[in-house]
Every structure is written in structure tokens, then in C-alpha cells.
C-alpha atoms as a PDB file:
ATOM      1  CA  LEU A   1      66.192 -42.876  33.535  1.00  0.00           C
ATOM      2  CA  ALA A   2      69.182 -40.549  33.789  1.00  0.00           C
ATOM      3  CA  TYR A   3      68.248 -38.713  30.604  1.00  0.00           C
ATOM      4  CA  ALA A   4      64.614 -38.454  31.728  1.00  0.00           C
ATOM      5  CA  ARG A   5      65.785 -36.858  34.954  1.00  0.00           C
ATOM      6  CA  ALA A   6      67.909 -34.409  33.014  1.00  0.00           C
ATOM      7  CA  ARG A   7      64.931 -33.499  30.808  1.00  0.00           C
ATOM      8  CA  THR A   8      62.840 -32.757  33.894  1.00  0.00           C
ATOM      9  CA  GLY A   9      65.529 -30.444  35.258  1.00  0.00           C
ATOM     10  CA  ASP A  10      67.176 -32.783  37.774  1.00  0.00           C
ATOM     11  CA  LEU A  11      70.650 -32.466  36.278  1.00  0.00           C
ATOM     12  CA  ALA A  12      72.439 -33.432  39.481  1.00  0.00           C
ATOM     13  CA  GLY A  13      70.335 -36.581  39.792  1.00  0.00           C
ATOM     14  CA  ALA A  14      70.863 -37.373  36.118  1.00  0.00           C
ATOM     15  CA  GLN A  15      74.608 -36.917  36.373  1.00  0.00           C
ATOM     16  CA  ALA A  16      74.764 -39.111  39.481  1.00  0.00           C
ATOM     17  CA  LEU A  17      72.811 -41.882  37.746  1.00  0.00           C
ATOM     18  CA  ILE A  18      74.785 -41.783  34.520  1.00  0.00           C
ATOM     19  CA  ALA A  19      78.118 -41.646  36.379  1.00  0.00           C
ATOM     20  CA  ALA A  20      77.378 -45.117  37.743  1.00  0.00           C
ATOM     21  CA  THR A  21      77.145 -46.640  34.260  1.00  0.00           C
ATOM     22  CA  PRO A  22      80.027 -48.444  32.543  1.00  0.00           C
ATOM     23  CA  LEU A  23      82.307 -46.498  30.234  1.00  0.00           C
ATOM     24  CA  ASP A  24      82.289 -49.276  27.644  1.00  0.00           C
ATOM     25  CA  CYS A  25      78.503 -49.119  27.226  1.00  0.00           C
ATOM     26  CA  TYR A  26      77.515 -47.513  23.900  1.00  0.00           C
ATOM     27  CA  LEU A  27      74.096 -46.379  25.122  1.00  0.00           C
ATOM     28  CA  CYS A  28      75.570 -45.090  28.370  1.00  0.00           C
ATOM     29  CA  VAL A  29      78.161 -42.856  26.709  1.00  0.00           C
ATOM     30  CA  ARG A  30      75.529 -41.583  24.277  1.00  0.00           C
ATOM     31  CA  GLU A  31      73.372 -40.611  27.237  1.00  0.00           C
ATOM     32  CA  ARG A  32      76.384 -39.037  28.960  1.00  0.00           C
ATOM     33  CA  ALA A  33      76.747 -36.809  25.886  1.00  0.00           C
ATOM     34  CA  ARG A  34      73.069 -35.849  25.822  1.00  0.00           C
ATOM     35  CA  ILE A  35      73.009 -35.104  29.553  1.00  0.00           C
ATOM     36  CA  ALA A  36      76.192 -33.034  29.325  1.00  0.00           C
ATOM     37  CA  GLU A  37      74.649 -31.058  26.462  1.00  0.00           C
ATOM     38  CA  LEU A  38      71.510 -30.393  28.513  1.00  0.00           C
ATOM     39  CA  ALA A  39      73.719 -29.282  31.385  1.00  0.00           C
ATOM     40  CA  GLY A  40      75.481 -26.826  29.083  1.00  0.00           C
ATOM     41  CA  ASP A  41      78.813 -28.642  29.317  1.00  0.00           C
ATOM     42  CA  ARG A  42      79.685 -28.627  25.645  1.00  0.00           C
ATOM     43  CA  ALA A  43      83.219 -29.913  26.165  1.00  0.00           C
ATOM     44  CA  ALA A  44      81.918 -32.999  27.968  1.00  0.00           C
ATOM     45  CA  ALA A  45      79.154 -33.447  25.385  1.00  0.00           C
ATOM     46  CA  ASP A  46      81.754 -33.276  22.603  1.00  0.00           C
ATOM     47  CA  ARG A  47      83.995 -35.769  24.378  1.00  0.00           C
ATOM     48  CA  TRP A  48      81.215 -38.288  25.176  1.00  0.00           C
ATOM     49  CA  SER A  49      79.713 -38.041  21.706  1.00  0.00           C
ATOM     50  CA  ALA A  50      83.115 -38.709  20.134  1.00  0.00           C
ATOM     51  CA  GLU A  51      83.513 -41.692  22.459  1.00  0.00           C
ATOM     52  CA  ALA A  52      80.102 -43.056  21.445  1.00  0.00           C
ATOM     53  CA  ARG A  53      80.985 -42.723  17.763  1.00  0.00           C
ATOM     54  CA  ARG A  54      84.297 -44.454  18.467  1.00  0.00           C
ATOM     55  CA  GLN A  55      82.565 -47.324  20.281  1.00  0.00           C
ATOM     56  CA  GLY A  56      79.894 -47.785  17.616  1.00  0.00           C
ATOM     57  CA  PRO A  57      81.398 -46.593  14.345  1.00  0.00           C
ATOM     58  CA  SER A  58      78.955 -48.619  12.253  1.00  0.00           C
ATOM     59  CA  LEU A  59      75.856 -47.611  14.269  1.00  0.00           C
ATOM     60  CA  PRO A  60      73.832 -44.537  13.267  1.00  0.00           C
ATOM     61  CA  PHE A  61      72.483 -43.370  16.624  1.00  0.00           C
ATOM     62  CA  ALA A  62      75.412 -41.378  18.025  1.00  0.00           C
ATOM     63  CA  PHE A  63      75.896 -39.713  14.629  1.00  0.00           C
ATOM     64  CA  ALA A  64      72.257 -38.585  14.478  1.00  0.00           C
ATOM     65  CA  GLU A  65      72.306 -37.439  18.103  1.00  0.00           C
ATOM     66  CA  TRP A  66      75.486 -35.465  17.525  1.00  0.00           C
ATOM     67  CA  GLY A  67      73.812 -33.879  14.511  1.00  0.00           C
ATOM     68  CA  GLN A  68      70.912 -32.818  16.728  1.00  0.00           C
ATOM     69  CA  MET A  69      73.303 -31.275  19.239  1.00  0.00           C
ATOM     70  CA  LEU A  70      75.094 -29.379  16.480  1.00  0.00           C
ATOM     71  CA  MET A  71      71.759 -28.230  15.083  1.00  0.00           C
ATOM     72  CA  ALA A  72      70.736 -26.901  18.508  1.00  0.00           C
ATOM     73  CA  ARG A  73      74.058 -25.034  18.634  1.00  0.00           C
ATOM     74  CA  GLY A  74      73.300 -23.423  15.277  1.00  0.00           C
ATOM     75  CA  ASP A  75      75.828 -25.429  13.256  1.00  0.00           C
ATOM     76  CA  ILE A  76      73.440 -26.498  10.509  1.00  0.00           C
ATOM     77  CA  ALA A  77      76.131 -27.544   8.022  1.00  0.00           C
ATOM     78  CA  GLY A  78      77.846 -29.659  10.676  1.00  0.00           C
ATOM     79  CA  ALA A  79      74.516 -31.208  11.638  1.00  0.00           C
ATOM     80  CA  ILE A  80      73.763 -32.134   8.023  1.00  0.00           C
ATOM     81  CA  ASP A  81      77.155 -33.801   7.723  1.00  0.00           C
ATOM     82  CA  PHE A  82      76.396 -36.009  10.722  1.00  0.00           C
ATOM     83  CA  TYR A  83      72.857 -36.781   9.508  1.00  0.00           C
ATOM     84  CA  GLU A  84      74.389 -37.949   6.238  1.00  0.00           C
ATOM     85  CA  GLN A  85      76.793 -40.179   8.154  1.00  0.00           C
ATOM     86  CA  ALA A  86      73.908 -41.569  10.222  1.00  0.00           C
ATOM     87  CA  ILE A  87      71.985 -42.388   7.025  1.00  0.00           C
ATOM     88  CA  GLU A  88      75.031 -44.185   5.604  1.00  0.00           C
ATOM     89  CA  ARG A  89      75.143 -46.355   8.731  1.00  0.00           C
ATOM     90  CA  GLY A  90      71.392 -46.850   9.071  1.00  0.00           C
ATOM     91  CA  PRO A  91      69.782 -46.377   5.655  1.00  0.00           C
ATOM     92  CA  ARG A  92      66.429 -47.762   6.808  1.00  0.00           C
ATOM     93  CA  TRP A  93      66.199 -45.490   9.844  1.00  0.00           C
ATOM     94  CA  ALA A  94      63.901 -42.523   9.216  1.00  0.00           C
ATOM     95  CA  ASP A  95      65.044 -40.167  11.976  1.00  0.00           C
ATOM     96  CA  PRO A  96      68.192 -38.726  10.349  1.00  0.00           C
ATOM     97  CA  GLN A  97      66.259 -38.155   7.115  1.00  0.00           C
ATOM     98  CA  LYS A  98      63.688 -36.102   9.058  1.00  0.00           C
ATOM     99  CA  TYR A  99      66.372 -34.246  11.004  1.00  0.00           C
ATOM    100  CA  TRP A 100      68.168 -33.415   7.749  1.00  0.00           C
ATOM    101  CA  GLY A 101      64.870 -32.060   6.447  1.00  0.00           C
ATOM    102  CA  ASP A 102      64.550 -29.922   9.565  1.00  0.00           C
ATOM    103  CA  ALA A 103      68.076 -28.591   8.969  1.00  0.00           C
ATOM    104  CA  LEU A 104      67.217 -27.723   5.369  1.00  0.00           C
ATOM    105  CA  MET A 105      64.079 -25.927   6.584  1.00  0.00           C
ATOM    106  CA  ALA A 106      66.262 -23.904   8.958  1.00  0.00           C
ATOM    107  CA  GLN A 107      68.320 -22.892   5.919  1.00  0.00           C
ATOM    108  CA  GLY A 108      65.179 -21.897   4.008  1.00  0.00           C
ATOM    109  CA  ASP A 109      65.430 -24.825   1.570  1.00  0.00           C
ATOM    110  CA  GLU A 110      61.817 -26.020   1.664  1.00  0.00           C
ATOM    111  CA  ALA A 111      62.155 -28.107  -1.523  1.00  0.00           C
ATOM    112  CA  GLY A 112      65.160 -29.954  -0.103  1.00  0.00           C
ATOM    113  CA  ALA A 113      63.335 -30.455   3.179  1.00  0.00           C
ATOM    114  CA  ILE A 114      60.337 -31.939   1.393  1.00  0.00           C
ATOM    115  CA  ARG A 115      62.613 -34.429  -0.397  1.00  0.00           C
ATOM    116  CA  LYS A 116      64.086 -35.509   2.955  1.00  0.00           C
ATOM    117  CA  TYR A 117      60.654 -35.732   4.599  1.00  0.00           C
ATOM    118  CA  ARG A 118      59.422 -37.868   1.692  1.00  0.00           C
ATOM    119  CA  ALA A 119      62.449 -40.179   2.138  1.00  0.00           C
ATOM    120  CA  ALA A 120      61.764 -40.420   5.867  1.00  0.00           C
ATOM    121  CA  ALA A 121      58.090 -41.217   5.216  1.00  0.00           C
ATOM    122  CA  GLU A 122      59.145 -44.195   3.089  1.00  0.00           C
ATOM    123  CA  ARG A 123      60.745 -45.587   6.244  1.00  0.00           C
ATOM    124  CA  ALA A 124      58.215 -44.357   8.851  1.00  0.00           C
ATOM    125  CA  PRO A 125      54.893 -43.592   7.150  1.00  0.00           C
ATOM    126  CA  ARG A 126      52.947 -43.166  10.407  1.00  0.00           C
ATOM    127  CA  TRP A 127      55.251 -40.644  12.110  1.00  0.00           C
ATOM    128  CA  GLY A 128      53.036 -37.719  13.086  1.00  0.00           C
ATOM    129  CA  ALA A 129      55.817 -35.193  13.761  1.00  0.00           C
ATOM    130  CA  LEU A 130      57.259 -35.951  10.330  1.00  0.00           C
ATOM    131  CA  HIS A 131      53.956 -35.170   8.611  1.00  0.00           C
ATOM    132  CA  LEU A 132      53.629 -31.974  10.645  1.00  0.00           C
ATOM    133  CA  ALA A 133      57.110 -30.844   9.558  1.00  0.00           C
ATOM    134  CA  TRP A 134      56.331 -31.812   5.961  1.00  0.00           C
ATOM    135  CA  GLY A 135      53.163 -29.733   6.142  1.00  0.00           C
ATOM    136  CA  ARG A 136      55.138 -26.724   7.389  1.00  0.00           C
ATOM    137  CA  ALA A 137      57.529 -27.067   4.443  1.00  0.00           C
ATOM    138  CA  LEU A 138      54.654 -27.286   1.966  1.00  0.00           C
ATOM    139  CA  GLU A 139      52.966 -24.295   3.560  1.00  0.00           C
ATOM    140  CA  ALA A 140      56.211 -22.293   3.353  1.00  0.00           C
ATOM    141  CA  GLN A 141      56.197 -22.994  -0.392  1.00  0.00           C
ATOM    142  CA  GLY A 142      52.638 -21.725  -0.662  1.00  0.00           C
ATOM    143  CA  ARG A 143      51.238 -25.203  -1.328  1.00  0.00           C
ATOM    144  CA  ARG A 144      48.403 -24.749   1.156  1.00  0.00           C
ATOM    145  CA  ASP A 145      46.128 -27.594   0.044  1.00  0.00           C
ATOM    146  CA  GLN A 146      48.950 -30.118   0.226  1.00  0.00           C
ATOM    147  CA  ALA A 147      50.006 -28.709   3.591  1.00  0.00           C
ATOM    148  CA  ARG A 148      46.470 -29.107   4.919  1.00  0.00           C
ATOM    149  CA  GLU A 149      46.516 -32.752   3.761  1.00  0.00           C
ATOM    150  CA  LYS A 150      49.742 -33.357   5.706  1.00  0.00           C
ATOM    151  CA  TYR A 151      48.311 -31.682   8.816  1.00  0.00           C
ATOM    152  CA  THR A 152      45.178 -33.810   8.513  1.00  0.00           C
ATOM    153  CA  GLU A 153      47.304 -36.959   8.194  1.00  0.00           C
ATOM    154  CA  ALA A 154      49.383 -35.894  11.201  1.00  0.00           C
ATOM    155  CA  ALA A 155      46.197 -35.375  13.242  1.00  0.00           C
ATOM    156  CA  ARG A 156      45.394 -39.084  12.806  1.00  0.00           C
ATOM    157  CA  MET A 157      48.819 -40.138  14.132  1.00  0.00           C
ATOM    158  CA  ASP A 158      50.578 -40.156  17.477  1.00  0.00           C
ATOM    159  CA  LEU A 159      51.867 -36.698  18.354  1.00  0.00           C
ATOM    160  CA  SER A 160      53.374 -35.005  21.374  1.00  0.00           C
ATOM    161  CA  ALA A 161      51.026 -32.636  23.178  1.00  0.00           C
ATOM    162  CA  ALA A 162      52.831 -29.638  21.666  1.00  0.00           C
ATOM    163  CA  ASP A 163      52.699 -31.082  18.133  1.00  0.00           C
ATOM    164  CA  ARG A 164      49.010 -31.988  18.529  1.00  0.00           C
ATOM    165  CA  ALA A 165      48.253 -28.421  19.656  1.00  0.00           C
ATOM    166  CA  GLU A 166      50.084 -27.056  16.610  1.00  0.00           C
ATOM    167  CA  VAL A 167      48.197 -29.355  14.238  1.00  0.00           C
ATOM    168  CA  VAL A 168      44.875 -28.335  15.803  1.00  0.00           C
ATOM    169  CA  ARG A 169      45.851 -24.665  15.537  1.00  0.00           C
ATOM    170  CA  ARG A 170      46.964 -24.975  11.900  1.00  0.00           C
ATOM    171  CA  LEU A 171      43.860 -26.922  10.860  1.00  0.00           C
ATOM    172  CA  GLY A 172      41.668 -24.497  12.793  1.00  0.00           C
ATOM    173  CA  ALA A 173      43.178 -21.596  10.863  1.00  0.00           C
ATOM    174  CA  TRP A 174      41.966 -23.219   7.613  1.00  0.00           C
ATOM    175  CA  ARG A 175      38.446 -23.592   8.945  1.00  0.00           C
ATOM    176  CA  GLN A 176      38.365 -19.856   9.687  1.00  0.00           C
ATOM    177  CA  ARG A 177      39.442 -18.868   6.151  1.00  0.00           C
END
């Protein structure tokens, strides 16, 4: 609930809610980090993320979340390092594979991104946002027919409103060609 409040812009409410949670709660300190990051308090986000990784050194979630924060800060190499650590701790979890693919796309490495998206799809074959990202990577390589297939697959899956709009737009562009 605290993180949801932060995402809707109620940072004060989010911080008040999360402050009432125990400090020895892995999920709670992870959320403290994410809320601090949304609030622009990087020092607190750094501190809470480190605490979450300390509390759950064998769990992948805080490592992947820290990678996402680093990615948002523009530290792609640092993000990739943490995605790799998340994969080591949770090899069956698709999210860090997808995030690593996103990081490779940001570096212009479409082939590397496609490899990571393929690995993520082995773990989560019905993840719409993954297929959308995979389609973008294929399109960036000029593999338009394969990209269209990925967009079509994504259209049959659950997507956020923004992702659904992008899929509709991308597929619509093909119909106009």
C-alpha cells in the first residue's frame, strides 16, 4: 500500500505508512528503498537497498530492484551487474533476464537483448511486456516480420494500458504499409 501511494504521488502518505513497518522485514526495507528512490532521496534508497540485500543475500528481488534503480539513474553497467546477481539467486525468475535485455537495448546491443528476452520467455512465456520489448529489439535489427509476430503475440497477452496502446500503434503501422 505504501508503494502504491508513492506511485500515485502521495509521497508523504507513503513514507508515513512505510515508517510504521519493522526494520527486520525484507519486503518492508525493499519498499523503503523503492519509495525513497521515487522521492528522489538517493542516499536513503542506497541505504535501504543495501539493507535489503543484507537481509536476504540469497534472494533475487532486492538485487533486481536495485538494478532497476541503477538503470533509471543511467548506470547501465551497474544495473547489468545486479541483474546478473539476481539471476544467480533466482535462475527461474524471468524478470532480471528481461531487465538485462532492456539494459542491453539501452546500450544498442539488440542481439544481446534478444538473447536475454528469449531466456526470459523460457521462464515466462505469456509475459506481454516481454514480447513487446522483444519485438522492439527485432524491429531495431530490421527483422520486421519477426517483430510483427512478437507484437501480435503480445497483443494476445496481458499488457498495461500504455503497452497495449504501443502494440496497437505498432501493429497499426504495419497495416498502413
